[in-house]
Amino acid sequence: MVIKDIRIKDKRGWIRLIEVFIAILLITGALLIVARRNNTMGDSATYMEISREEIAVLRDIELNNSLRNEILSVNSLPVEWENFSTLLPNVKSRIEYLTPPNLKCQAKICWINRLCTVDELSGENIYAETVVISANLNKYSPRQLKLFCVEEEV
C-alpha cells in the first residue's frame, strides 16, 4: 500500500512539471508573436515616413515650372543620377536640398512605359516613389521622375 501511494505522488510531480513546461512554451510563443507584430508595425511606420518625405520632394519639383521645363528639355532618356549634374543641375540641387539628412537619395528620369530602377543604391530597404512630368505650355513629352532612397546608417 505504501509503495503505491509513493508512485502516485511521483506521477503527480511529473504531470505538474509537464504542465509548467507547456505553460512556459505558450507564454514564450505569445511574447514572440507580439514582438514580431510590433517590429512589423515599426517597418510600416518607417515606410510611411520615408514615403511622405519622398512625395514632398517630388511634389515640390512637379509644381515648380522651371524645374518641370528643365526635365522636359532633356531629349535622351533615361537620365541616370550621375548625369543630373550636367543635364539637370537645378533639379539635382533641389533634390539634395530637400532630402532629409537621414536619407540617401538618387533620382532617375525614364519613359513613362518603361521599367525604371537603379543599381547603385545598396541597403536593406530601398524606398521608391514616382511622379509623372508630362507637359508644359509648349511641349507634351510624358516621362517619370523616380526617387529612390535608403536610410543612412548613423
C-alpha atoms as a PDB file:
ATOM      1  CA  MET A   1       0.000   0.000   0.000  1.00  0.00           C
ATOM      2  CA  VAL A   2       2.692   2.491   0.918  1.00  0.00           C
ATOM      3  CA  ILE A   3       4.598   1.813  -2.316  1.00  0.00           C
ATOM      4  CA  LYS A   4       1.500   2.566  -4.443  1.00  0.00           C
ATOM      5  CA  ASP A   5       0.991   5.949  -2.725  1.00  0.00           C
ATOM      6  CA  ILE A   6       4.602   6.974  -3.430  1.00  0.00           C
ATOM      7  CA  ARG A   7       4.280   6.089  -7.131  1.00  0.00           C
ATOM      8  CA  ILE A   8       1.057   8.090  -7.450  1.00  0.00           C
ATOM      9  CA  LYS A   9       2.718  11.125  -5.828  1.00  0.00           C
ATOM     10  CA  ASP A  10       5.694  10.774  -8.201  1.00  0.00           C
ATOM     11  CA  LYS A  11       3.359  10.769 -11.214  1.00  0.00           C
ATOM     12  CA  ARG A  12       1.657  13.924  -9.957  1.00  0.00           C
ATOM     13  CA  GLY A  13       5.046  15.640  -9.750  1.00  0.00           C
ATOM     14  CA  TRP A  14       5.909  14.759 -13.337  1.00  0.00           C
ATOM     15  CA  ILE A  15       2.499  15.899 -14.532  1.00  0.00           C
ATOM     16  CA  ARG A  16       2.984  19.246 -12.750  1.00  0.00           C
ATOM     17  CA  LEU A  17       6.408  19.608 -14.330  1.00  0.00           C
ATOM     18  CA  ILE A  18       4.996  18.976 -17.817  1.00  0.00           C
ATOM     19  CA  GLU A  19       2.181  21.477 -17.169  1.00  0.00           C
ATOM     20  CA  VAL A  20       4.706  24.167 -16.177  1.00  0.00           C
ATOM     21  CA  PHE A  21       6.840  23.449 -19.247  1.00  0.00           C
ATOM     22  CA  ILE A  22       3.813  23.747 -21.568  1.00  0.00           C
ATOM     23  CA  ALA A  23       2.741  26.996 -19.856  1.00  0.00           C
ATOM     24  CA  ILE A  24       6.216  28.464 -20.377  1.00  0.00           C
ATOM     25  CA  LEU A  25       6.123  27.474 -24.056  1.00  0.00           C
ATOM     26  CA  LEU A  26       2.712  29.119 -24.526  1.00  0.00           C
ATOM     27  CA  ILE A  27       3.801  32.350 -22.840  1.00  0.00           C
ATOM     28  CA  THR A  28       7.039  32.464 -24.868  1.00  0.00           C
ATOM     29  CA  GLY A  29       5.100  31.897 -28.100  1.00  0.00           C
ATOM     30  CA  ALA A  30       2.665  34.698 -27.287  1.00  0.00           C
ATOM     31  CA  LEU A  31       5.525  37.096 -26.485  1.00  0.00           C
ATOM     32  CA  LEU A  32       7.272  36.261 -29.766  1.00  0.00           C
ATOM     33  CA  ILE A  33       4.084  36.920 -31.743  1.00  0.00           C
ATOM     34  CA  VAL A  34       3.576  40.294 -30.036  1.00  0.00           C
ATOM     35  CA  ALA A  35       7.226  41.263 -30.569  1.00  0.00           C
ATOM     36  CA  ARG A  36       7.041  40.345 -34.252  1.00  0.00           C
ATOM     37  CA  ARG A  37       3.877  42.419 -34.739  1.00  0.00           C
ATOM     38  CA  ASN A  38       5.500  45.438 -33.117  1.00  0.00           C
ATOM     39  CA  ASN A  39       8.560  45.061 -35.354  1.00  0.00           C
ATOM     40  CA  THR A  40       6.364  44.883 -38.468  1.00  0.00           C
ATOM     41  CA  MET A  41       4.474  47.990 -37.408  1.00  0.00           C
ATOM     42  CA  GLY A  42       7.800  49.783 -36.964  1.00  0.00           C
ATOM     43  CA  ASP A  43       8.779  48.936 -40.549  1.00  0.00           C
ATOM     44  CA  SER A  44       5.407  50.164 -41.765  1.00  0.00           C
ATOM     45  CA  ALA A  45       5.784  53.437 -39.866  1.00  0.00           C
ATOM     46  CA  THR A  46       9.283  53.881 -41.308  1.00  0.00           C
ATOM     47  CA  TYR A  47       7.957  53.222 -44.809  1.00  0.00           C
ATOM     48  CA  MET A  48       5.177  55.776 -44.360  1.00  0.00           C
ATOM     49  CA  GLU A  49       7.573  58.412 -43.030  1.00  0.00           C
ATOM     50  CA  ILE A  50      10.116  57.954 -45.834  1.00  0.00           C
ATOM     51  CA  SER A  51       7.379  57.798 -48.452  1.00  0.00           C
ATOM     52  CA  ARG A  52       5.961  61.080 -47.154  1.00  0.00           C
ATOM     53  CA  GLU A  53       9.409  62.693 -47.415  1.00  0.00           C
ATOM     54  CA  GLU A  54       9.915  61.411 -50.979  1.00  0.00           C
ATOM     55  CA  ILE A  55       6.476  62.590 -52.084  1.00  0.00           C
ATOM     56  CA  ALA A  56       7.183  66.054 -50.654  1.00  0.00           C
ATOM     57  CA  VAL A  57      10.410  66.298 -52.685  1.00  0.00           C
ATOM     58  CA  LEU A  58       8.718  65.087 -55.873  1.00  0.00           C
ATOM     59  CA  ARG A  59       5.709  67.359 -55.387  1.00  0.00           C
ATOM     60  CA  ASP A  60       7.996  70.370 -54.990  1.00  0.00           C
ATOM     61  CA  ILE A  61       9.692  69.567 -58.307  1.00  0.00           C
ATOM     62  CA  GLU A  62       6.401  68.762 -60.017  1.00  0.00           C
ATOM     63  CA  LEU A  63       4.884  72.129 -59.094  1.00  0.00           C
ATOM     64  CA  ASN A  64       7.950  74.217 -59.954  1.00  0.00           C
ATOM     65  CA  ASN A  65       7.656  75.403 -63.583  1.00  0.00           C
ATOM     66  CA  SER A  66      11.371  75.986 -64.146  1.00  0.00           C
ATOM     67  CA  LEU A  67      12.271  72.516 -62.849  1.00  0.00           C
ATOM     68  CA  ARG A  68       9.497  70.944 -64.952  1.00  0.00           C
ATOM     69  CA  ASN A  69      10.832  72.737 -68.043  1.00  0.00           C
ATOM     70  CA  GLU A  70      14.346  71.547 -67.253  1.00  0.00           C
ATOM     71  CA  ILE A  71      13.128  67.944 -67.057  1.00  0.00           C
ATOM     72  CA  LEU A  72      11.077  68.259 -70.248  1.00  0.00           C
ATOM     73  CA  SER A  73      14.027  69.759 -72.131  1.00  0.00           C
ATOM     74  CA  VAL A  74      16.075  66.550 -71.843  1.00  0.00           C
ATOM     75  CA  ASN A  75      15.745  64.545 -75.040  1.00  0.00           C
ATOM     76  CA  SER A  76      17.719  61.380 -74.379  1.00  0.00           C
ATOM     77  CA  LEU A  77      16.188  59.134 -71.745  1.00  0.00           C
ATOM     78  CA  PRO A  78      16.794  57.529 -69.314  1.00  0.00           C
ATOM     79  CA  VAL A  79      18.805  60.051 -67.309  1.00  0.00           C
ATOM     80  CA  GLU A  80      20.858  58.445 -64.542  1.00  0.00           C
ATOM     81  CA  TRP A  81      21.698  60.238 -61.281  1.00  0.00           C
ATOM     82  CA  GLU A  82      25.339  60.714 -62.328  1.00  0.00           C
ATOM     83  CA  ASN A  83      24.165  62.738 -65.347  1.00  0.00           C
ATOM     84  CA  PHE A  84      21.913  65.066 -63.378  1.00  0.00           C
ATOM     85  CA  SER A  85      24.881  67.360 -62.632  1.00  0.00           C
ATOM     86  CA  THR A  86      25.329  68.187 -66.319  1.00  0.00           C
ATOM     87  CA  LEU A  87      21.801  67.766 -67.724  1.00  0.00           C
ATOM     88  CA  LEU A  88      19.624  68.761 -64.769  1.00  0.00           C
ATOM     89  CA  PRO A  89      21.728  70.717 -62.265  1.00  0.00           C
ATOM     90  CA  ASN A  90      18.809  72.643 -60.738  1.00  0.00           C
ATOM     91  CA  VAL A  91      16.749  69.502 -60.256  1.00  0.00           C
ATOM     92  CA  LYS A  92      19.684  67.718 -58.620  1.00  0.00           C
ATOM     93  CA  SER A  93      20.418  70.595 -56.258  1.00  0.00           C
ATOM     94  CA  ARG A  94      16.719  70.825 -55.311  1.00  0.00           C
ATOM     95  CA  ILE A  95      16.565  67.104 -54.543  1.00  0.00           C
ATOM     96  CA  GLU A  96      19.739  67.304 -52.453  1.00  0.00           C
ATOM     97  CA  TYR A  97      18.457  70.394 -50.625  1.00  0.00           C
ATOM     98  CA  LEU A  98      15.063  68.855 -49.769  1.00  0.00           C
ATOM     99  CA  THR A  99      16.341  65.385 -48.848  1.00  0.00           C
ATOM    100  CA  PRO A 100      16.416  64.860 -45.064  1.00  0.00           C
ATOM    101  CA  PRO A 101      19.862  64.136 -43.578  1.00  0.00           C
ATOM    102  CA  ASN A 102      18.897  60.588 -42.561  1.00  0.00           C
ATOM    103  CA  LEU A 103      18.244  59.570 -46.182  1.00  0.00           C
ATOM    104  CA  LYS A 104      20.494  58.974 -49.158  1.00  0.00           C
ATOM    105  CA  CYS A 105      18.519  59.537 -52.346  1.00  0.00           C
ATOM    106  CA  GLN A 106      19.056  59.226 -56.076  1.00  0.00           C
ATOM    107  CA  ALA A 107      16.700  60.067 -58.903  1.00  0.00           C
ATOM    108  CA  LYS A 108      16.222  58.793 -62.411  1.00  0.00           C
ATOM    109  CA  ILE A 109      14.136  60.035 -65.319  1.00  0.00           C
ATOM    110  CA  CYS A 110      12.652  57.371 -67.590  1.00  0.00           C
ATOM    111  CA  TRP A 111       9.989  56.988 -70.238  1.00  0.00           C
ATOM    112  CA  ILE A 112       6.552  56.529 -68.741  1.00  0.00           C
ATOM    113  CA  ASN A 113       6.006  52.992 -70.026  1.00  0.00           C
ATOM    114  CA  ARG A 114       9.467  51.605 -69.180  1.00  0.00           C
ATOM    115  CA  LEU A 115      10.896  49.966 -66.104  1.00  0.00           C
ATOM    116  CA  CYS A 116      12.848  52.476 -64.033  1.00  0.00           C
ATOM    117  CA  THR A 117      15.356  51.104 -61.497  1.00  0.00           C
ATOM    118  CA  VAL A 118      18.742  51.959 -60.016  1.00  0.00           C
ATOM    119  CA  ASP A 119      21.556  49.570 -59.233  1.00  0.00           C
ATOM    120  CA  GLU A 120      23.915  51.881 -57.369  1.00  0.00           C
ATOM    121  CA  LEU A 121      21.951  52.093 -54.108  1.00  0.00           C
ATOM    122  CA  SER A 122      22.575  49.393 -51.580  1.00  0.00           C
ATOM    123  CA  GLY A 123      20.712  48.818 -48.382  1.00  0.00           C
ATOM    124  CA  GLU A 124      18.279  46.545 -46.695  1.00  0.00           C
ATOM    125  CA  ASN A 125      15.264  48.590 -47.818  1.00  0.00           C
ATOM    126  CA  ILE A 126      15.130  50.832 -50.851  1.00  0.00           C
ATOM    127  CA  TYR A 127      12.123  53.144 -50.900  1.00  0.00           C
ATOM    128  CA  ALA A 128      10.890  54.493 -54.244  1.00  0.00           C
ATOM    129  CA  GLU A 129       8.258  56.999 -55.294  1.00  0.00           C
ATOM    130  CA  THR A 130       7.363  58.314 -58.741  1.00  0.00           C
ATOM    131  CA  VAL A 131       5.848  61.438 -60.227  1.00  0.00           C
ATOM    132  CA  VAL A 132       4.829  61.959 -63.849  1.00  0.00           C
ATOM    133  CA  ILE A 133       6.131  65.055 -65.607  1.00  0.00           C
ATOM    134  CA  SER A 134       4.169  65.217 -68.818  1.00  0.00           C
ATOM    135  CA  ALA A 135       3.818  68.699 -70.248  1.00  0.00           C
ATOM    136  CA  ASN A 136       4.242  72.425 -70.083  1.00  0.00           C
ATOM    137  CA  LEU A 137       2.502  75.069 -72.213  1.00  0.00           C
ATOM    138  CA  ASN A 138       4.627  74.281 -75.281  1.00  0.00           C
ATOM    139  CA  LYS A 139       5.605  70.638 -75.066  1.00  0.00           C
ATOM    140  CA  TYR A 140       3.982  67.285 -74.368  1.00  0.00           C
ATOM    141  CA  SER A 141       6.544  64.611 -73.559  1.00  0.00           C
ATOM    142  CA  PRO A 142       5.442  62.314 -70.716  1.00  0.00           C
ATOM    143  CA  ARG A 143       8.178  60.875 -68.530  1.00  0.00           C
ATOM    144  CA  GLN A 144       8.556  59.746 -64.969  1.00  0.00           C
ATOM    145  CA  LEU A 145      10.827  61.146 -62.312  1.00  0.00           C
ATOM    146  CA  LYS A 146      11.554  58.399 -59.826  1.00  0.00           C
ATOM    147  CA  LEU A 147      13.188  58.980 -56.469  1.00  0.00           C
ATOM    148  CA  PHE A 148      14.977  56.123 -54.699  1.00  0.00           C
ATOM    149  CA  CYS A 149      16.026  56.493 -51.061  1.00  0.00           C
ATOM    150  CA  VAL A 150      17.733  54.388 -48.401  1.00  0.00           C
ATOM    151  CA  GLU A 151      18.214  55.173 -44.739  1.00  0.00           C
ATOM    152  CA  GLU A 152      21.737  56.235 -43.904  1.00  0.00           C
ATOM    153  CA  GLU A 153      23.425  54.457 -41.034  1.00  0.00           C
ATOM    154  CA  VAL A 154      24.333  56.841 -38.266  1.00  0.00           C
END
